Structure formats: C-alpha cells, structure tokens
Amino acid sequence: MEKESGYKIAVVVFIIILFFLNSQYKEVKEENIILRESISQYQSALSEANDNIEEANSIIEDAQGYAWSSYEDMGYALDNLSTVDTVSEPW
C-alpha cells in the first residue's frame, strides 16, 4: 500500500513539473518571437542606413570630381548635392 501511495505521489509531482515546464516553454517561445521580430527590424534599419551612406558617398564622389573644374562644373556639382533620408528608429 505504501509503495502504491508513493508511486501516486511521484506521478502527481511529475505531472506538476511537466505543467510548469510547459508554461515556461511557452513564455520563452513567445519572448523568442518578440526578439526575432526586433532583430528583423534592426537589420532592416541597418540595411537602410547602409544604403543611405552609399548614396551619400556616391553624391560626394561626384561632387569631388567637379571640385577642381570650371566654375560652371562646380555649380553643376553643387546643384546635384542632396541629402539622404534618415533611418527611423525601429522601436
């Protein structure tokens, strides 16, 4: 009788532990989804920022090509200078 009672207690404890671990797993899984979405947003913002830097560098290189030319060419270079978009915060 004592063995049977101990067995039942062990099964109940085991089931309680399984429910606890399952709830912890669900919380970690949800947090993982949120973190993955955040990483995706940061990667997108980083990519946009790098594209903007490349665009700005290209504009600067074009302007440098005209910098020591005639005044007309320098004016053309200045006319073609423009700003690039800023990256919005992903959060």
N, C-alpha and C. Protein backbone atom coordinates (compact mmCIF):
# COMPACT_ATOMS: atom_id res chain seq x y z
N MET A 1 0.81 -1.19 0.00
CA MET A 1 0.00 0.00 0.00
C MET A 1 0.87 1.27 0.00
N GLU A 2 1.95 1.24 0.79
CA GLU A 2 2.83 2.41 0.85
C GLU A 2 3.52 2.64 -0.49
N LYS A 3 3.90 1.56 -1.16
CA LYS A 3 4.55 1.69 -2.47
C LYS A 3 3.58 2.32 -3.47
N GLU A 4 2.35 1.89 -3.42
CA GLU A 4 1.35 2.42 -4.34
C GLU A 4 1.10 3.90 -4.06
N SER A 5 1.07 4.29 -2.82
CA SER A 5 0.86 5.69 -2.44
C SER A 5 2.05 6.55 -2.88
N GLY A 6 3.26 6.02 -2.66
CA GLY A 6 4.46 6.74 -3.09
C GLY A 6 4.50 6.90 -4.60
N TYR A 7 4.05 5.86 -5.30
CA TYR A 7 4.01 5.89 -6.76
C TYR A 7 3.04 6.98 -7.24
N LYS A 8 1.88 7.06 -6.61
CA LYS A 8 0.89 8.07 -6.99
C LYS A 8 1.42 9.47 -6.73
N ILE A 9 2.10 9.67 -5.62
CA ILE A 9 2.67 10.98 -5.30
C ILE A 9 3.73 11.36 -6.33
N ALA A 10 4.56 10.39 -6.71
CA ALA A 10 5.61 10.65 -7.71
C ALA A 10 4.99 11.03 -9.05
N VAL A 11 3.91 10.36 -9.43
CA VAL A 11 3.23 10.67 -10.70
C VAL A 11 2.63 12.07 -10.64
N VAL A 12 2.01 12.42 -9.53
CA VAL A 12 1.42 13.76 -9.38
C VAL A 12 2.51 14.83 -9.45
N VAL A 13 3.62 14.60 -8.75
CA VAL A 13 4.74 15.56 -8.77
C VAL A 13 5.28 15.68 -10.19
N PHE A 14 5.42 14.56 -10.87
CA PHE A 14 5.91 14.56 -12.25
C PHE A 14 4.99 15.36 -13.16
N ILE A 15 3.71 15.18 -13.02
CA ILE A 15 2.73 15.92 -13.83
C ILE A 15 2.80 17.41 -13.53
N ILE A 16 2.93 17.77 -12.28
CA ILE A 16 3.05 19.19 -11.91
C ILE A 16 4.30 19.80 -12.53
N ILE A 17 5.40 19.06 -12.47
CA ILE A 17 6.64 19.55 -13.08
C ILE A 17 6.47 19.72 -14.58
N LEU A 18 5.80 18.78 -15.24
CA LEU A 18 5.56 18.90 -16.68
C LEU A 18 4.73 20.14 -17.02
N PHE A 19 3.69 20.41 -16.25
CA PHE A 19 2.88 21.60 -16.49
C PHE A 19 3.71 22.87 -16.30
N PHE A 20 4.54 22.88 -15.26
CA PHE A 20 5.38 24.04 -15.00
C PHE A 20 6.36 24.26 -16.15
N LEU A 21 7.02 23.20 -16.59
CA LEU A 21 7.98 23.32 -17.68
C LEU A 21 7.30 23.73 -18.98
N ASN A 22 6.10 23.24 -19.21
CA ASN A 22 5.36 23.60 -20.41
C ASN A 22 5.02 25.08 -20.42
N SER A 23 4.61 25.61 -19.27
CA SER A 23 4.28 27.04 -19.20
C SER A 23 5.54 27.88 -19.39
N GLN A 24 6.66 27.43 -18.82
CA GLN A 24 7.92 28.14 -19.01
C GLN A 24 8.33 28.11 -20.48
N TYR A 25 8.15 26.99 -21.13
CA TYR A 25 8.49 26.86 -22.54
C TYR A 25 7.68 27.83 -23.39
N LYS A 26 6.39 27.95 -23.09
CA LYS A 26 5.53 28.87 -23.85
C LYS A 26 5.99 30.31 -23.68
N GLU A 27 6.37 30.69 -22.45
CA GLU A 27 6.84 32.05 -22.20
C GLU A 27 8.13 32.33 -22.97
N VAL A 28 9.05 31.38 -22.94
CA VAL A 28 10.32 31.55 -23.65
C VAL A 28 10.08 31.60 -25.15
N LYS A 29 9.17 30.79 -25.63
CA LYS A 29 8.86 30.78 -27.07
C LYS A 29 8.29 32.12 -27.50
N GLU A 30 7.38 32.69 -26.72
CA GLU A 30 6.80 34.00 -27.05
C GLU A 30 7.88 35.09 -27.01
N GLU A 31 8.75 35.03 -26.02
CA GLU A 31 9.82 36.02 -25.93
C GLU A 31 10.77 35.89 -27.12
N ASN A 32 11.01 34.65 -27.54
CA ASN A 32 11.87 34.41 -28.69
C ASN A 32 11.27 35.02 -29.95
N ILE A 33 9.97 34.91 -30.12
CA ILE A 33 9.30 35.50 -31.29
C ILE A 33 9.46 37.01 -31.28
N ILE A 34 9.27 37.63 -30.12
CA ILE A 34 9.41 39.08 -29.99
C ILE A 34 10.83 39.51 -30.32
N LEU A 35 11.82 38.78 -29.79
CA LEU A 35 13.22 39.12 -30.05
C LEU A 35 13.58 38.95 -31.52
N ARG A 36 13.05 37.93 -32.15
CA ARG A 36 13.32 37.74 -33.59
C ARG A 36 12.74 38.89 -34.42
N GLU A 37 11.56 39.35 -34.04
CA GLU A 37 10.96 40.50 -34.74
C GLU A 37 11.80 41.75 -34.54
N SER A 38 12.31 41.95 -33.34
CA SER A 38 13.17 43.11 -33.06
C SER A 38 14.45 43.04 -33.88
N ILE A 39 15.04 41.86 -33.95
CA ILE A 39 16.26 41.69 -34.74
C ILE A 39 15.98 42.00 -36.20
N SER A 40 14.85 41.54 -36.70
CA SER A 40 14.50 41.81 -38.10
C SER A 40 14.35 43.31 -38.35
N GLN A 41 13.73 44.02 -37.41
CA GLN A 41 13.56 45.47 -37.56
C GLN A 41 14.92 46.18 -37.53
N TYR A 42 15.80 45.75 -36.64
CA TYR A 42 17.13 46.36 -36.57
C TYR A 42 17.94 46.07 -37.83
N GLN A 43 17.83 44.86 -38.36
CA GLN A 43 18.54 44.53 -39.59
C GLN A 43 18.03 45.37 -40.75
N SER A 44 16.73 45.60 -40.80
CA SER A 44 16.15 46.43 -41.85
C SER A 44 16.64 47.87 -41.73
N ALA A 45 16.66 48.38 -40.50
CA ALA A 45 17.14 49.75 -40.28
C ALA A 45 18.62 49.88 -40.63
N LEU A 46 19.41 48.87 -40.29
CA LEU A 46 20.83 48.88 -40.62
C LEU A 46 21.04 48.86 -42.13
N SER A 47 20.26 48.03 -42.82
CA SER A 47 20.37 47.97 -44.28
C SER A 47 20.01 49.31 -44.92
N GLU A 48 18.94 49.92 -44.41
CA GLU A 48 18.54 51.23 -44.93
C GLU A 48 19.61 52.28 -44.68
N ALA A 49 20.20 52.25 -43.48
CA ALA A 49 21.27 53.21 -43.15
C ALA A 49 22.48 53.01 -44.06
N ASN A 50 22.85 51.76 -44.31
CA ASN A 50 23.98 51.48 -45.20
C ASN A 50 23.69 51.94 -46.63
N ASP A 51 22.47 51.75 -47.09
CA ASP A 51 22.10 52.23 -48.42
C ASP A 51 22.20 53.76 -48.50
N ASN A 52 21.77 54.43 -47.44
CA ASN A 52 21.85 55.89 -47.40
C ASN A 52 23.29 56.37 -47.39
N ILE A 53 24.15 55.66 -46.68
CA ILE A 53 25.57 56.03 -46.65
C ILE A 53 26.18 55.85 -48.03
N GLU A 54 25.86 54.75 -48.70
CA GLU A 54 26.37 54.53 -50.05
C GLU A 54 25.90 55.63 -51.00
N GLU A 55 24.65 56.03 -50.88
CA GLU A 55 24.12 57.10 -51.73
C GLU A 55 24.84 58.41 -51.45
N ALA A 56 25.03 58.73 -50.17
CA ALA A 56 25.73 59.98 -49.81
C ALA A 56 27.17 59.95 -50.32
N ASN A 57 27.84 58.82 -50.18
CA ASN A 57 29.22 58.71 -50.67
C ASN A 57 29.28 58.89 -52.17
N SER A 58 28.32 58.34 -52.89
CA SER A 58 28.28 58.50 -54.34
C SER A 58 28.10 59.97 -54.73
N ILE A 59 27.22 60.66 -54.02
CA ILE A 59 26.99 62.08 -54.30
C ILE A 59 28.26 62.88 -54.01
N ILE A 60 28.93 62.58 -52.93
CA ILE A 60 30.17 63.29 -52.57
C ILE A 60 31.25 63.02 -53.62
N GLU A 61 31.37 61.76 -54.05
CA GLU A 61 32.37 61.44 -55.07
C GLU A 61 32.11 62.18 -56.36
N ASP A 62 30.85 62.28 -56.76
CA ASP A 62 30.51 63.04 -57.97
C ASP A 62 30.90 64.50 -57.81
N ALA A 63 30.61 65.07 -56.64
CA ALA A 63 30.95 66.48 -56.40
C ALA A 63 32.45 66.68 -56.39
N GLN A 64 33.20 65.74 -55.82
CA GLN A 64 34.66 65.86 -55.79
C GLN A 64 35.23 65.84 -57.20
N GLY A 65 34.59 65.10 -58.09
CA GLY A 65 35.07 65.05 -59.47
C GLY A 65 34.99 66.40 -60.16
N TYR A 66 34.04 67.22 -59.75
CA TYR A 66 33.88 68.54 -60.36
C TYR A 66 34.56 69.65 -59.55
N ALA A 67 35.07 69.35 -58.41
CA ALA A 67 35.55 70.37 -57.48
C ALA A 67 36.65 71.24 -58.07
N TRP A 68 37.52 70.69 -58.85
CA TRP A 68 38.64 71.48 -59.38
C TRP A 68 38.45 71.79 -60.86
N SER A 69 37.22 71.72 -61.31
CA SER A 69 36.91 72.05 -62.71
C SER A 69 36.53 73.52 -62.80
N SER A 70 35.85 73.87 -63.85
CA SER A 70 35.43 75.26 -64.05
C SER A 70 34.34 75.62 -63.04
N TYR A 71 34.09 76.91 -62.92
CA TYR A 71 33.04 77.36 -62.01
C TYR A 71 31.68 76.78 -62.41
N GLU A 72 31.47 76.65 -63.69
CA GLU A 72 30.21 76.09 -64.16
C GLU A 72 30.06 74.63 -63.71
N ASP A 73 31.15 73.86 -63.84
CA ASP A 73 31.11 72.47 -63.40
C ASP A 73 30.95 72.37 -61.88
N MET A 74 31.58 73.28 -61.14
CA MET A 74 31.42 73.27 -59.69
C MET A 74 29.97 73.60 -59.32
N GLY A 75 29.37 74.53 -60.06
CA GLY A 75 27.97 74.85 -59.83
C GLY A 75 27.08 73.65 -60.11
N TYR A 76 27.41 72.92 -61.18
CA TYR A 76 26.66 71.71 -61.50
C TYR A 76 26.79 70.70 -60.36
N ALA A 77 27.99 70.55 -59.83
CA ALA A 77 28.22 69.61 -58.73
C ALA A 77 27.40 70.02 -57.51
N LEU A 78 27.37 71.30 -57.21
CA LEU A 78 26.60 71.78 -56.05
C LEU A 78 25.10 71.60 -56.28
N ASP A 79 24.66 71.81 -57.50
CA ASP A 79 23.24 71.60 -57.79
C ASP A 79 22.83 70.15 -57.58
N ASN A 80 23.75 69.22 -57.80
CA ASN A 80 23.44 67.80 -57.68
C ASN A 80 23.61 67.27 -56.25
N LEU A 81 24.12 68.10 -55.36
CA LEU A 81 24.22 67.65 -53.97
C LEU A 81 22.84 67.59 -53.36
N SER A 82 22.60 66.55 -52.62
CA SER A 82 21.32 66.41 -51.94
C SER A 82 21.53 65.63 -50.66
N THR A 83 20.58 65.72 -49.79
CA THR A 83 20.67 64.97 -48.55
C THR A 83 20.05 63.59 -48.75
N VAL A 84 20.40 62.70 -47.87
CA VAL A 84 19.79 61.37 -47.90
C VAL A 84 18.83 61.26 -46.72
N ASP A 85 17.93 60.31 -46.82
CA ASP A 85 16.94 60.12 -45.76
C ASP A 85 17.59 59.58 -44.49
N THR A 86 17.03 59.96 -43.38
CA THR A 86 17.48 59.39 -42.12
C THR A 86 16.73 58.08 -41.87
N VAL A 87 17.32 57.27 -41.05
CA VAL A 87 16.70 55.99 -40.71
C VAL A 87 15.85 56.19 -39.47
N SER A 88 14.61 55.78 -39.57
CA SER A 88 13.75 55.90 -38.41
C SER A 88 14.07 54.80 -37.41
N GLU A 89 13.83 55.08 -36.16
CA GLU A 89 14.12 54.10 -35.13
C GLU A 89 13.17 52.93 -35.25
N PRO A 90 13.68 51.69 -35.19
CA PRO A 90 12.81 50.54 -35.40
C PRO A 90 11.95 50.20 -34.20
N TRP A 91 12.10 50.87 -33.12
CA TRP A 91 11.30 50.53 -31.95
C TRP A 91 10.23 51.50 -31.84
